[in-house]
Amino acid sequence: MYRISFSGTGQCSTGQVNIDKTLEVDRDYYYRLTGHNSDEELTALIALHYPGVSVNPRHLSFRGEPL
């Protein structure tokens, strides 16, 4: 298991949205978030937790640590 944290800002129709989330994920999902398709995986994760918010994954801070 890994604890991941990501933060930054996104945009929705009503203005700017602060993104600050900490989750616990399994090893396979953590490797997907840090692999070669990490931008797509992170964008999908943000869309799940912040519906309607568009983000540039390059402008998000991401950190992961094993539990």
PDB file of N, CA and C in Angstrom:
ATOM      1  N   MET A   1       0.829  -1.176   0.000  1.00  0.00           N
ATOM      2  CA  MET A   1       0.000   0.000   0.000  1.00  0.00           C
ATOM      3  C   MET A   1       0.881   1.249   0.000  1.00  0.00           C
ATOM      4  N   TYR A   2       0.379   2.269  -0.666  1.00  0.00           N
ATOM      5  CA  TYR A   2       1.062   3.558  -0.750  1.00  0.00           C
ATOM      6  C   TYR A   2       0.089   4.668  -0.375  1.00  0.00           C
ATOM      7  N   ARG A   3       0.602   5.695   0.261  1.00  0.00           N
ATOM      8  CA  ARG A   3      -0.184   6.903   0.510  1.00  0.00           C
ATOM      9  C   ARG A   3       0.259   7.929  -0.523  1.00  0.00           C
ATOM     10  N   ILE A   4      -0.702   8.414  -1.308  1.00  0.00           N
ATOM     11  CA  ILE A   4      -0.387   9.419  -2.318  1.00  0.00           C
ATOM     12  C   ILE A   4      -1.088  10.723  -1.961  1.00  0.00           C
ATOM     13  N   SER A   5      -0.432  11.811  -2.264  1.00  0.00           N
ATOM     14  CA  SER A   5      -0.997  13.142  -2.045  1.00  0.00           C
ATOM     15  C   SER A   5      -0.797  13.945  -3.310  1.00  0.00           C
ATOM     16  N   PHE A   6      -1.806  14.678  -3.693  1.00  0.00           N
ATOM     17  CA  PHE A   6      -1.649  15.583  -4.816  1.00  0.00           C
ATOM     18  C   PHE A   6      -2.357  16.880  -4.500  1.00  0.00           C
ATOM     19  N   SER A   7      -1.786  17.953  -5.005  1.00  0.00           N
ATOM     20  CA  SER A   7      -2.360  19.273  -4.761  1.00  0.00           C
ATOM     21  C   SER A   7      -2.061  20.176  -5.947  1.00  0.00           C
ATOM     22  N   GLY A   8      -2.839  21.224  -6.046  1.00  0.00           N
ATOM     23  CA  GLY A   8      -2.689  22.180  -7.138  1.00  0.00           C
ATOM     24  C   GLY A   8      -4.003  22.898  -7.356  1.00  0.00           C
ATOM     25  N   THR A   9      -4.201  23.376  -8.550  1.00  0.00           N
ATOM     26  CA  THR A   9      -5.447  24.065  -8.881  1.00  0.00           C
ATOM     27  C   THR A   9      -5.997  23.525 -10.188  1.00  0.00           C
ATOM     28  N   GLY A  10      -7.296  23.603 -10.316  1.00  0.00           N
ATOM     29  CA  GLY A  10      -7.988  23.215 -11.528  1.00  0.00           C
ATOM     30  C   GLY A  10      -8.975  24.298 -11.903  1.00  0.00           C
ATOM     31  N   GLN A  11      -9.646  24.103 -13.008  1.00  0.00           N
ATOM     32  CA  GLN A  11     -10.578  25.106 -13.513  1.00  0.00           C
ATOM     33  C   GLN A  11     -11.924  24.446 -13.791  1.00  0.00           C
ATOM     34  N   CYS A  12     -12.996  25.114 -13.363  1.00  0.00           N
ATOM     35  CA  CYS A  12     -14.338  24.680 -13.721  1.00  0.00           C
ATOM     36  C   CYS A  12     -15.129  25.905 -14.156  1.00  0.00           C
ATOM     37  N   SER A  13     -16.376  25.711 -14.492  1.00  0.00           N
ATOM     38  CA  SER A  13     -17.176  26.813 -15.055  1.00  0.00           C
ATOM     39  C   SER A  13     -17.383  27.955 -14.067  1.00  0.00           C
ATOM     40  N   THR A  14     -17.295  27.696 -12.778  1.00  0.00           N
ATOM     41  CA  THR A  14     -17.498  28.745 -11.780  1.00  0.00           C
ATOM     42  C   THR A  14     -16.207  29.409 -11.325  1.00  0.00           C
ATOM     43  N   GLY A  15     -15.077  28.962 -11.836  1.00  0.00           N
ATOM     44  CA  GLY A  15     -13.795  29.567 -11.478  1.00  0.00           C
ATOM     45  C   GLY A  15     -12.760  28.538 -11.082  1.00  0.00           C
ATOM     46  N   GLN A  16     -11.757  29.005 -10.373  1.00  0.00           N
ATOM     47  CA  GLN A  16     -10.639  28.166  -9.981  1.00  0.00           C
ATOM     48  C   GLN A  16     -11.013  27.284  -8.788  1.00  0.00           C
ATOM     49  N   VAL A  17     -10.493  26.043  -8.788  1.00  0.00           N
ATOM     50  CA  VAL A  17     -10.777  25.072  -7.740  1.00  0.00           C
ATOM     51  C   VAL A  17      -9.446  24.618  -7.142  1.00  0.00           C
ATOM     52  N   ASN A  18      -9.339  24.659  -5.818  1.00  0.00           N
ATOM     53  CA  ASN A  18      -8.158  24.135  -5.136  1.00  0.00           C
ATOM     54  C   ASN A  18      -8.282  22.626  -5.038  1.00  0.00           C
ATOM     55  N   ILE A  19      -7.202  21.947  -5.367  1.00  0.00           N
ATOM     56  CA  ILE A  19      -7.164  20.489  -5.317  1.00  0.00           C
ATOM     57  C   ILE A  19      -6.167  20.097  -4.247  1.00  0.00           C
ATOM     58  N   ASP A  20      -6.646  19.320  -3.277  1.00  0.00           N
ATOM     59  CA  ASP A  20      -5.797  18.843  -2.189  1.00  0.00           C
ATOM     60  C   ASP A  20      -6.392  17.530  -1.704  1.00  0.00           C
ATOM     61  N   LYS A  21      -5.752  16.423  -2.022  1.00  0.00           N
ATOM     62  CA  LYS A  21      -6.331  15.114  -1.727  1.00  0.00           C
ATOM     63  C   LYS A  21      -5.228  14.145  -1.319  1.00  0.00           C
ATOM     64  N   THR A  22      -5.520  13.297  -0.341  1.00  0.00           N
ATOM     65  CA  THR A  22      -4.622  12.221   0.081  1.00  0.00           C
ATOM     66  C   THR A  22      -5.412  10.921   0.048  1.00  0.00           C
ATOM     67  N   LEU A  23      -4.827   9.910  -0.577  1.00  0.00           N
ATOM     68  CA  LEU A  23      -5.480   8.610  -0.735  1.00  0.00           C
ATOM     69  C   LEU A  23      -4.495   7.492  -0.419  1.00  0.00           C
ATOM     70  N   GLU A  24      -5.037   6.321  -0.119  1.00  0.00           N
ATOM     71  CA  GLU A  24      -4.219   5.118  -0.004  1.00  0.00           C
ATOM     72  C   GLU A  24      -4.558   4.214  -1.177  1.00  0.00           C
ATOM     73  N   VAL A  25      -3.525   3.792  -1.902  1.00  0.00           N
ATOM     74  CA  VAL A  25      -3.721   2.962  -3.091  1.00  0.00           C
ATOM     75  C   VAL A  25      -2.793   1.752  -3.020  1.00  0.00           C
ATOM     76  N   ASP A  26      -3.095   0.743  -3.818  1.00  0.00           N
ATOM     77  CA  ASP A  26      -2.229  -0.431  -3.855  1.00  0.00           C
ATOM     78  C   ASP A  26      -1.004  -0.168  -4.731  1.00  0.00           C
ATOM     79  N   ARG A  27      -0.077  -1.072  -4.686  1.00  0.00           N
ATOM     80  CA  ARG A  27       1.199  -0.903  -5.381  1.00  0.00           C
ATOM     81  C   ARG A  27       1.023  -0.786  -6.888  1.00  0.00           C
ATOM     82  N   ASP A  28       0.149  -1.607  -7.475  1.00  0.00           N
ATOM     83  CA  ASP A  28      -0.055  -1.573  -8.921  1.00  0.00           C
ATOM     84  C   ASP A  28      -0.588  -0.221  -9.385  1.00  0.00           C
ATOM     85  N   TYR A  29      -1.554   0.323  -8.642  1.00  0.00           N
ATOM     86  CA  TYR A  29      -2.099   1.623  -9.026  1.00  0.00           C
ATOM     87  C   TYR A  29      -1.058   2.716  -8.838  1.00  0.00           C
ATOM     88  N   TYR A  30      -0.250   2.618  -7.794  1.00  0.00           N
ATOM     89  CA  TYR A  30       0.819   3.602  -7.587  1.00  0.00           C
ATOM     90  C   TYR A  30       1.795   3.582  -8.765  1.00  0.00           C
ATOM     91  N   TYR A  31       2.146   2.406  -9.237  1.00  0.00           N
ATOM     92  CA  TYR A  31       3.063   2.314 -10.378  1.00  0.00           C
ATOM     93  C   TYR A  31       2.423   2.859 -11.655  1.00  0.00           C
ATOM     94  N   ARG A  32       1.109   2.713 -11.791  1.00  0.00           N
ATOM     95  CA  ARG A  32       0.435   3.319 -12.949  1.00  0.00           C
ATOM     96  C   ARG A  32       0.497   4.840 -12.877  1.00  0.00           C
ATOM     97  N   LEU A  33       0.409   5.403 -11.665  1.00  0.00           N
ATOM     98  CA  LEU A  33       0.476   6.851 -11.499  1.00  0.00           C
ATOM     99  C   LEU A  33       1.887   7.405 -11.716  1.00  0.00           C
ATOM    100  N   THR A  34       2.887   6.557 -11.613  1.00  0.00           N
ATOM    101  CA  THR A  34       4.263   7.016 -11.789  1.00  0.00           C
ATOM    102  C   THR A  34       4.896   6.493 -13.075  1.00  0.00           C
ATOM    103  N   GLY A  35       4.128   5.771 -13.880  1.00  0.00           N
ATOM    104  CA  GLY A  35       4.642   5.201 -15.118  1.00  0.00           C
ATOM    105  C   GLY A  35       4.607   6.176 -16.281  1.00  0.00           C
ATOM    106  N   HIS A  36       4.755   5.633 -17.491  1.00  0.00           N
ATOM    107  CA  HIS A  36       4.843   6.473 -18.683  1.00  0.00           C
ATOM    108  C   HIS A  36       3.502   7.101 -19.075  1.00  0.00           C
ATOM    109  N   ASN A  37       2.381   6.597 -18.573  1.00  0.00           N
ATOM    110  CA  ASN A  37       1.069   7.206 -18.820  1.00  0.00           C
ATOM    111  C   ASN A  37       0.565   7.939 -17.582  1.00  0.00           C
ATOM    112  N   SER A  38       1.475   8.449 -16.778  1.00  0.00           N
ATOM    113  CA  SER A  38       1.094   9.037 -15.499  1.00  0.00           C
ATOM    114  C   SER A  38       0.184  10.249 -15.656  1.00  0.00           C
ATOM    115  N   ASP A  39       0.375  11.054 -16.693  1.00  0.00           N
ATOM    116  CA  ASP A  39      -0.482  12.225 -16.889  1.00  0.00           C
ATOM    117  C   ASP A  39      -1.930  11.811 -17.093  1.00  0.00           C
ATOM    118  N   GLU A  40      -2.159  10.781 -17.888  1.00  0.00           N
ATOM    119  CA  GLU A  40      -3.514  10.305 -18.155  1.00  0.00           C
ATOM    120  C   GLU A  40      -4.139   9.694 -16.904  1.00  0.00           C
ATOM    121  N   GLU A  41      -3.363   8.927 -16.153  1.00  0.00           N
ATOM    122  CA  GLU A  41      -3.871   8.308 -14.931  1.00  0.00           C
ATOM    123  C   GLU A  41      -4.212   9.365 -13.883  1.00  0.00           C
ATOM    124  N   LEU A  42      -3.360  10.363 -13.737  1.00  0.00           N
ATOM    125  CA  LEU A  42      -3.609  11.419 -12.763  1.00  0.00           C
ATOM    126  C   LEU A  42      -4.817  12.256 -13.158  1.00  0.00           C
ATOM    127  N   THR A  43      -4.974  12.534 -14.441  1.00  0.00           N
ATOM    128  CA  THR A  43      -6.141  13.271 -14.922  1.00  0.00           C
ATOM    129  C   THR A  43      -7.424  12.481 -14.643  1.00  0.00           C
ATOM    130  N   ALA A  44      -7.403  11.180 -14.853  1.00  0.00           N
ATOM    131  CA  ALA A  44      -8.573  10.339 -14.580  1.00  0.00           C
ATOM    132  C   ALA A  44      -8.881  10.311 -13.082  1.00  0.00           C
ATOM    133  N   LEU A  45      -7.866  10.270 -12.246  1.00  0.00           N
ATOM    134  CA  LEU A  45      -8.062  10.267 -10.803  1.00  0.00           C
ATOM    135  C   LEU A  45      -8.662  11.588 -10.329  1.00  0.00           C
ATOM    136  N   ILE A  46      -8.191  12.684 -10.870  1.00  0.00           N
ATOM    137  CA  ILE A  46      -8.746  13.998 -10.524  1.00  0.00           C
ATOM    138  C   ILE A  46     -10.206  14.074 -10.973  1.00  0.00           C
ATOM    139  N   ALA A  47     -10.512  13.582 -12.167  1.00  0.00           N
ATOM    140  CA  ALA A  47     -11.881  13.611 -12.677  1.00  0.00           C
ATOM    141  C   ALA A  47     -12.819  12.800 -11.786  1.00  0.00           C
ATOM    142  N   LEU A  48     -12.318  11.743 -11.185  1.00  0.00           N
ATOM    143  CA  LEU A  48     -13.131  10.919 -10.304  1.00  0.00           C
ATOM    144  C   LEU A  48     -13.470  11.667  -9.011  1.00  0.00           C
ATOM    145  N   HIS A  49     -12.497  12.350  -8.445  1.00  0.00           N
ATOM    146  CA  HIS A  49     -12.685  13.020  -7.157  1.00  0.00           C
ATOM    147  C   HIS A  49     -13.153  14.466  -7.278  1.00  0.00           C
ATOM    148  N   TYR A  50     -12.932  15.078  -8.421  1.00  0.00           N
ATOM    149  CA  TYR A  50     -13.348  16.458  -8.673  1.00  0.00           C
ATOM    150  C   TYR A  50     -14.066  16.523 -10.024  1.00  0.00           C
ATOM    151  N   PRO A  51     -15.308  16.045 -10.091  1.00  0.00           N
ATOM    152  CA  PRO A  51     -16.025  16.025 -11.369  1.00  0.00           C
ATOM    153  C   PRO A  51     -16.215  17.427 -11.944  1.00  0.00           C
ATOM    154  N   GLY A  52     -16.023  17.541 -13.233  1.00  0.00           N
ATOM    155  CA  GLY A  52     -16.229  18.815 -13.916  1.00  0.00           C
ATOM    156  C   GLY A  52     -15.053  19.768 -13.846  1.00  0.00           C
ATOM    157  N   VAL A  53     -13.969  19.351 -13.187  1.00  0.00           N
ATOM    158  CA  VAL A  53     -12.796  20.207 -13.058  1.00  0.00           C
ATOM    159  C   VAL A  53     -11.753  19.759 -14.078  1.00  0.00           C
ATOM    160  N   SER A  54     -11.250  20.695 -14.856  1.00  0.00           N
ATOM    161  CA  SER A  54     -10.188  20.364 -15.804  1.00  0.00           C
ATOM    162  C   SER A  54      -8.851  20.787 -15.194  1.00  0.00           C
ATOM    163  N   VAL A  55      -7.845  19.952 -15.402  1.00  0.00           N
ATOM    164  CA  VAL A  55      -6.522  20.207 -14.834  1.00  0.00           C
ATOM    165  C   VAL A  55      -5.450  19.965 -15.879  1.00  0.00           C
ATOM    166  N   ASN A  56      -4.335  20.603 -15.680  1.00  0.00           N
ATOM    167  CA  ASN A  56      -3.118  20.288 -16.418  1.00  0.00           C
ATOM    168  C   ASN A  56      -2.267  19.474 -15.445  1.00  0.00           C
ATOM    169  N   PRO A  57      -2.081  18.171 -15.685  1.00  0.00           N
ATOM    170  CA  PRO A  57      -1.369  17.336 -14.721  1.00  0.00           C
ATOM    171  C   PRO A  57       0.072  17.781 -14.473  1.00  0.00           C
ATOM    172  N   ARG A  58       0.639  18.539 -15.388  1.00  0.00           N
ATOM    173  CA  ARG A  58       2.006  19.039 -15.200  1.00  0.00           C
ATOM    174  C   ARG A  58       2.067  20.147 -14.152  1.00  0.00           C
ATOM    175  N   HIS A  59       0.902  20.712 -13.794  1.00  0.00           N
ATOM    176  CA  HIS A  59       0.862  21.781 -12.803  1.00  0.00           C
ATOM    177  C   HIS A  59       0.366  21.298 -11.440  1.00  0.00           C
ATOM    178  N   LEU A  60       0.352  19.984 -11.251  1.00  0.00           N
ATOM    179  CA  LEU A  60      -0.043  19.411  -9.969  1.00  0.00           C
ATOM    180  C   LEU A  60       1.184  18.878  -9.248  1.00  0.00           C
ATOM    181  N   SER A  61       1.167  19.006  -7.954  1.00  0.00           N
ATOM    182  CA  SER A  61       2.208  18.431  -7.125  1.00  0.00           C
ATOM    183  C   SER A  61       1.747  17.036  -6.709  1.00  0.00           C
ATOM    184  N   PHE A  62       2.597  16.027  -6.891  1.00  0.00           N
ATOM    185  CA  PHE A  62       2.265  14.651  -6.595  1.00  0.00           C
ATOM    186  C   PHE A  62       3.366  14.051  -5.739  1.00  0.00           C
ATOM    187  N   ARG A  63       2.953  13.338  -4.673  1.00  0.00           N
ATOM    188  CA  ARG A  63       3.935  12.690  -3.804  1.00  0.00           C
ATOM    189  C   ARG A  63       3.379  11.352  -3.356  1.00  0.00           C
ATOM    190  N   GLY A  64       4.208  10.340  -3.300  1.00  0.00           N
ATOM    191  CA  GLY A  64       3.794   9.027  -2.847  1.00  0.00           C
ATOM    192  C   GLY A  64       4.809   8.446  -1.883  1.00  0.00           C
ATOM    193  N   GLU A  65       4.314   7.702  -0.900  1.00  0.00           N
ATOM    194  CA  GLU A  65       5.201   7.060   0.065  1.00  0.00           C
ATOM    195  C   GLU A  65       4.609   5.723   0.471  1.00  0.00           C
ATOM    196  N   PRO A  66       5.450   4.721   0.675  1.00  0.00           N
ATOM    197  CA  PRO A  66       4.938   3.415   1.084  1.00  0.00           C
ATOM    198  C   PRO A  66       4.454   3.453   2.530  1.00  0.00           C
ATOM    199  N   LEU A  67       3.460   2.640   2.821  1.00  0.00           N
ATOM    200  CA  LEU A  67       2.944   2.550   4.190  1.00  0.00           C
ATOM    201  C   LEU A  67       3.624   1.429   4.935  1.00  0.00           C
TER     202      LEU A  67
END
